[in-house]
Amino acid sequence: MVHPHTLKSCRSFIIFFLLWFLFPGAATQAQPKPDLKRDPDKPAEIKTLLKERHMLLSQVVAQLTAQYQAGKLDFTRLGQAERDLLRATVELEEDLEKRIVLLQEGEKTAKKIVALAEAQLKVGTTTGVDVLQAKVVLLEVQIELLREKAKVKPRK
């Protein structure tokens, strides 16, 4: 037989958990969103920061690719940097056509990294997991590219 206090505490925990799960924002106060209409410089400042982040991540991917090619690191850091660059690419460019061009460049880079990982696997300097991870990143870029292409309206 189960003690009644145990049932009561279990019930209280379940209710608390359900409330926390169903209303996660209830415990924290919502942060006000910045009013971009009041401060016209904010969008320009955000755009500048997005460009800088994209440029830095491009450099990170290039340097990590060189280190990976030299056998100085595993694919994990390079793969994460590629994912970060993908996200930054999509966030940076507001123009759909330019975003597609950037993603196509990212796809070329990801394909080169897959080929590099496959070549290193053949000579025994990397693992099959690195090849699989490189292919996953390539697929992520290709999926995002297809999503963006699907947004293009057909010309009449």
Foldseek 3Di string as FASTA:
>chain_A
DDDPVVVVVVVVVVVVVVCCVVCVCPVPDDDDDDDCVVPVCVVVVVLVVLVVQLVVLVVVLVVVLVCVLVLNDAQPVNLVSLVSNLVSLVVNDPDLVVSLVVLVVSLVVLVVSLVSQVVCVVVPSYDPVSNVSSVVSSVVSVVVSVVSVVPDDDDD
